[in-house]
Protein backbone atom coordinates (compact mmCIF):
# COMPACT_ATOMS: atom_id res chain seq x y z
CA MET A 1 0.00 0.00 0.00
CA LEU A 2 2.83 2.39 0.85
CA ASP A 3 4.55 1.60 -2.45
CA ARG A 4 1.37 2.53 -4.33
CA LYS A 5 1.09 5.80 -2.41
CA ILE A 6 4.70 6.70 -3.18
CA ASP A 7 4.25 5.86 -6.88
CA ALA A 8 1.06 7.91 -7.11
CA SER A 9 2.43 10.95 -5.29
CA GLU A 10 3.78 14.01 -7.08
CA LEU A 11 6.18 14.49 -4.16
CA GLU A 12 9.73 13.19 -3.92
CA ILE A 13 10.60 11.70 -0.54
CA PHE A 14 14.11 12.03 0.86
CA VAL A 15 15.91 11.01 4.00
CA HIS A 16 18.44 13.60 5.15
CA ASP A 17 21.28 12.71 7.51
CA LYS A 18 22.25 16.17 8.76
CA GLN A 19 25.31 14.92 10.63
CA ARG A 20 26.90 13.43 7.53
CA GLY A 21 25.29 15.59 4.87
CA LEU A 22 23.71 12.55 3.22
CA MET A 23 20.51 12.80 1.20
CA ARG A 24 18.85 9.78 -0.35
CA VAL A 25 15.71 9.34 -2.43
CA LEU A 26 13.20 6.98 -0.80
CA ASN A 27 11.24 5.52 -3.68
CA TYR A 28 9.58 2.50 -2.09
CA GLY A 29 8.09 1.58 1.25
CA GLU A 30 10.51 -1.15 2.29
CA ARG A 31 13.43 1.26 2.04
CA LEU A 32 11.58 3.80 4.18
CA ASP A 33 11.01 1.14 6.84
CA TRP A 34 14.68 0.10 6.70
CA THR A 35 15.86 3.68 7.13
CA LEU A 36 13.59 4.35 10.10
CA ASN A 37 14.55 1.07 11.79
CA SER A 38 18.30 1.19 11.11
CA GLY A 39 18.87 4.91 11.65
CA LYS A 40 20.98 5.02 8.48
CA ALA A 41 20.39 7.05 5.34
CA CYS A 42 22.12 4.41 3.22
CA ASP A 43 24.04 1.13 3.48
CA ALA A 44 27.36 2.94 3.11
CA VAL A 45 27.21 4.84 6.42
CA PRO A 46 29.40 2.39 8.42
CA TRP A 47 32.30 2.64 5.97
CA LEU A 48 31.81 6.32 5.21
CA ASP A 49 32.38 7.07 8.90
CA ARG A 50 35.57 5.03 8.88
CA ILE A 51 37.15 6.48 5.73
CA GLU A 52 36.20 10.12 6.39
CA PRO A 53 39.61 11.04 7.93
CA LEU A 54 41.30 9.91 4.70
CA ILE A 55 39.52 12.51 2.53
CA GLY A 56 41.14 15.94 2.26
CA LYS A 57 39.87 19.28 0.95
CA GLY A 58 42.25 19.27 -2.00
CA ASP A 59 41.64 15.65 -3.01
CA LEU A 60 40.35 14.24 -6.28
CA VAL A 61 38.00 11.23 -6.04
CA PHE A 62 36.84 8.65 -8.59
CA ASP A 63 33.45 7.13 -7.65
CA VAL A 64 33.16 4.09 -9.93
CA GLY A 65 29.65 2.65 -9.83
CA ALA A 66 28.08 5.81 -8.45
CA ASN A 67 24.56 4.33 -8.40
CA MET A 68 22.17 7.11 -7.25
CA GLY A 69 24.99 9.48 -6.33
CA VAL A 70 24.51 9.50 -2.55
CA VAL A 71 28.18 8.72 -1.88
CA SER A 72 29.39 11.01 -4.69
CA HIS A 73 27.73 13.95 -2.95
CA TRP A 74 29.21 12.88 0.39
CA PHE A 75 32.68 12.93 -1.18
CA ALA A 76 31.95 16.27 -2.88
CA GLN A 77 31.36 17.95 0.48
CA ARG A 78 34.81 16.87 1.64
CA CYS A 79 37.13 17.03 -1.38
CA GLU A 80 37.99 19.30 -4.28
CA HIS A 81 36.39 17.30 -7.08
CA VAL A 82 34.56 14.03 -7.74
CA HIS A 83 34.42 12.15 -11.03
CA ALA A 84 31.34 9.91 -10.81
CA PHE A 85 30.93 6.99 -13.24
CA GLU A 86 27.47 5.49 -13.73
CA PRO A 87 26.03 3.91 -16.93
CA HIS A 88 22.40 3.20 -15.97
CA PRO A 89 19.96 5.86 -17.30
CA ASP A 90 17.67 5.94 -14.24
CA ASN A 91 20.60 6.31 -11.86
CA ILE A 92 22.08 9.00 -14.11
CA ASP A 93 18.80 10.94 -13.90
CA THR A 94 18.79 10.67 -10.10
CA ILE A 95 22.39 11.85 -9.80
CA SER A 96 21.70 14.75 -12.16
CA SER A 97 18.59 15.86 -10.28
CA GLN A 98 20.51 15.69 -6.98
CA MET A 99 23.31 17.80 -8.42
CA LYS A 100 20.75 20.41 -9.42
CA LEU A 101 18.86 20.23 -6.12
CA ARG A 102 22.04 20.55 -4.06
CA ASN A 103 23.61 23.10 -6.43
CA ASN A 104 26.70 20.94 -6.57
CA LYS A 105 29.51 22.33 -8.72
CA ASN A 106 32.34 19.89 -8.04
CA ILE A 107 30.95 16.62 -9.42
CA THR A 108 31.58 15.59 -13.02
CA LEU A 109 29.16 12.85 -14.10
CA HIS A 110 30.45 10.35 -16.67
CA THR A 111 27.67 8.27 -18.20
CA PHE A 112 29.71 5.16 -18.96
CA ALA A 113 31.25 2.25 -17.08
CA LEU A 114 34.93 1.72 -16.32
CA GLY A 115 36.61 -1.58 -17.12
CA LYS A 116 39.69 -3.31 -18.48
CA GLU A 117 39.29 -2.18 -22.10
CA ASN A 118 37.51 0.36 -24.27
CA THR A 119 34.45 -1.42 -25.62
CA GLU A 120 30.68 -1.78 -25.33
CA MET A 121 29.06 -4.35 -23.05
CA GLN A 122 25.65 -5.48 -21.91
CA LEU A 123 24.62 -4.04 -18.56
CA HIS A 124 22.36 -6.54 -16.78
CA VAL A 125 19.55 -4.50 -15.28
CA LYS A 126 18.48 -5.88 -11.93
CA GLY A 127 15.32 -5.52 -9.90
CA PHE A 128 17.23 -3.41 -7.35
CA HIS A 129 18.93 -0.25 -8.66
CA GLY A 130 22.18 -0.95 -6.78
CA HIS A 131 22.65 -4.41 -8.30
CA HIS A 132 23.10 -3.58 -12.00
CA SER A 133 26.19 -5.34 -13.34
CA LEU A 134 28.14 -6.03 -16.52
CA GLY A 135 27.61 -9.72 -15.75
CA ASP A 136 24.52 -11.70 -14.83
CA VAL A 137 25.48 -11.88 -11.17
CA ASP A 138 23.45 -13.69 -8.54
CA ASN A 139 22.28 -10.72 -6.43
CA SER A 140 18.72 -10.02 -7.59
CA PRO A 141 16.58 -10.97 -10.61
CA THR A 142 17.61 -9.64 -14.02
CA VAL A 143 14.79 -7.61 -15.57
CA GLY A 144 16.51 -6.45 -18.75
CA GLN A 145 19.72 -5.57 -20.55
CA ILE A 146 21.05 -2.38 -22.09
CA GLN A 147 24.16 -1.67 -24.15
CA VAL A 148 26.63 0.63 -22.38
CA LYS A 149 29.98 2.16 -23.18
CA VAL A 150 33.03 0.99 -21.22
CA ARG A 151 36.32 2.89 -20.95
CA THR A 152 39.51 2.30 -19.01
CA PRO A 153 40.51 4.37 -15.96
CA VAL A 154 43.89 5.01 -17.60
CA GLU A 155 42.33 6.56 -20.70
CA VAL A 156 40.04 8.80 -18.63
CA PHE A 157 42.94 9.78 -16.35
CA ASP A 158 45.06 10.80 -19.34
CA GLU A 159 42.17 12.55 -21.10
CA LEU A 160 41.46 14.67 -18.02
CA LYS A 161 45.19 15.44 -17.66
CA LEU A 162 45.18 14.36 -14.02
CA GLU A 163 48.26 13.96 -11.85
CA ARG A 164 46.84 11.49 -9.33
CA ILE A 165 43.67 10.03 -7.86
CA HIS A 166 43.58 10.41 -4.10
CA PHE A 167 40.65 8.07 -3.51
CA LEU A 168 39.15 5.44 -5.82
CA LYS A 169 35.88 3.88 -4.69
CA ILE A 170 34.76 0.83 -6.68
CA ASP A 171 31.27 -0.66 -6.41
CA VAL A 172 30.64 -2.56 -9.63
CA GLU A 173 28.97 -5.81 -8.58
CA GLY A 174 31.63 -8.36 -9.41
CA PHE A 175 33.73 -6.44 -11.93
CA GLU A 176 36.26 -4.97 -9.50
CA SER A 177 39.13 -6.83 -11.16
CA ASP A 178 38.22 -5.33 -14.55
CA VAL A 179 38.43 -1.78 -13.17
CA LEU A 180 41.78 -2.53 -11.53
CA GLN A 181 43.16 -4.12 -14.70
CA GLY A 182 42.09 -1.01 -16.61
CA ALA A 183 44.04 1.05 -14.07
CA SER A 184 47.16 -1.14 -14.19
CA THR A 185 49.68 1.58 -15.08
CA LEU A 186 48.21 3.94 -12.48
CA LEU A 187 48.60 1.22 -9.86
CA ALA A 188 52.14 0.40 -10.97
CA ASP A 189 53.12 4.07 -10.72
CA LYS A 190 51.30 4.48 -7.35
CA LYS A 191 49.15 7.29 -8.75
CA ILE A 192 46.19 6.16 -6.65
CA ASP A 193 46.48 6.67 -2.88
CA TYR A 194 43.49 4.68 -1.60
CA ILE A 195 41.22 2.11 -3.26
CA LEU A 196 37.99 1.07 -1.54
CA PHE A 197 36.11 -1.99 -2.77
CA GLU A 198 33.58 -4.56 -1.57
CA LEU A 199 33.90 -8.32 -2.11
CA GLN A 200 31.12 -10.91 -1.96
CA GLU A 201 32.40 -14.37 -2.82
CA THR A 202 29.00 -15.84 -3.74
CA LEU A 203 28.34 -13.00 -6.16
CA LEU A 204 31.81 -13.36 -7.71
CA ASN A 205 31.44 -17.12 -8.04
CA SER A 206 28.20 -16.64 -9.98
CA ILE A 207 30.28 -15.13 -12.83
CA GLN A 208 33.27 -17.48 -12.34
CA ARG A 209 35.40 -14.98 -10.44
CA THR A 210 37.01 -14.94 -6.99
CA SER A 211 38.05 -12.48 -4.31
CA HIS A 212 41.64 -13.72 -4.61
CA GLU A 213 41.82 -12.35 -8.16
CA VAL A 214 41.08 -8.85 -6.89
CA PHE A 215 43.58 -9.10 -4.04
CA GLN A 216 46.28 -10.49 -6.34
CA ILE A 217 46.14 -7.53 -8.73
CA LEU A 218 46.67 -5.14 -5.83
CA PHE A 219 49.40 -7.18 -4.14
CA GLU A 220 51.30 -7.53 -7.42
CA SER A 221 51.06 -3.75 -7.87
CA GLY A 222 52.76 -3.21 -4.51
CA TYR A 223 49.71 -2.21 -2.46
CA GLN A 224 48.80 -3.39 1.02
CA ILE A 225 45.19 -4.21 1.95
CA ILE A 226 43.36 -3.67 5.22
CA ASP A 227 39.79 -4.27 6.28
CA LEU A 228 37.88 -1.31 7.69
CA ASN A 229 38.57 -2.41 11.24
CA GLY A 230 42.23 -1.75 10.47
CA ASN A 231 43.39 -5.37 10.19
CA LEU A 232 46.21 -5.94 7.71
CA MET A 233 45.51 -8.70 5.18
CA GLN A 234 48.59 -10.89 4.80
CA GLU A 235 48.95 -12.31 1.31
CA HIS A 236 50.47 -15.63 2.40
CA GLU A 237 47.76 -16.24 5.03
CA LEU A 238 44.70 -15.76 2.84
CA SER A 239 43.24 -19.19 2.25
CA GLU A 240 39.76 -17.63 2.44
CA ILE A 241 38.81 -13.95 2.13
CA PRO A 242 35.79 -12.93 4.23
CA ASN A 243 33.02 -10.96 2.55
CA GLY A 244 33.23 -7.26 3.29
CA ASP A 245 34.77 -3.89 2.47
CA TYR A 246 38.51 -3.52 1.95
CA LEU A 247 40.93 -0.66 1.50
CA ALA A 248 44.09 -0.87 -0.59
CA CYS A 249 46.82 1.60 0.29
CA ILE A 250 50.58 2.10 0.23
CA ASP A 251 51.08 1.71 3.99
CA GLY A 252 48.45 -0.40 5.72
CA ALA A 253 49.65 0.20 9.28
CA GLU A 254 49.67 3.99 8.93
CA THR A 255 46.31 4.03 7.15
CA ALA A 256 44.74 1.87 9.87
CA LYS A 257 45.72 4.50 12.46
CA LYS A 258 43.81 7.17 10.52
CA LEU A 259 40.50 5.30 10.20
CA GLY A 260 37.54 6.89 11.93
CA SER A 261 34.99 5.27 14.21
CA SER A 262 31.28 4.69 13.69
CA PRO A 263 28.30 3.84 15.89
CA PHE A 264 27.32 1.34 13.19
CA GLU A 265 28.82 -2.09 12.68
CA LEU A 266 30.23 -2.96 9.27
CA ILE A 267 27.82 -5.07 7.24
């Protein structure tokens, strides 16, 4: 009943986290219930709290898989500029409307995906807006497919004449390794300070991929990896990688000391 009321209304409903500056569209009843019960504007709150001390006023951020733009706007309040990458048309519209509503001048929206090569691929459109993927991953039902453009991070970096990326956030539903492969020379030259990514082994296995592949690219590029509780991931000890959020960096021990705290547990 609540879903029907939201669909029929001419109003847009938002949740606003004043403490963090987060604003999120609430477009169905279940999400409204979740927000009221959890006290969170979005799923990202636990890790946003922890990485906040790593973001500086003069930083440049790549938000790869920007979804509805909630996190892009969070970054934009804390850094100099955000390049947001999102290929799905509905999500692009939401990000654009939020940029207009919030009068945001330091987000550049790129309406394509990032990957390991310049090409076109099928984006599998899922029932939940945050689950769209370049592969038919096992996260929610596929309701359609659309053709999208894919470019490499290296090409975009060179085209924009950038010197470095201070923070790279990757949320691409199983295609993390593709983004990292497309950034191989940037990783080799240590032109990216921090790389945040989420791993879900079941999701990766559904497209014949593994968490170890993602870790290996970063280890071979000379990065260290910590979880968001500050624990250093040792390459030789990783027989199994737990699901969760991870942060690649040059110095894991020093980065762990900088992580912030949160009243919310990591999911």
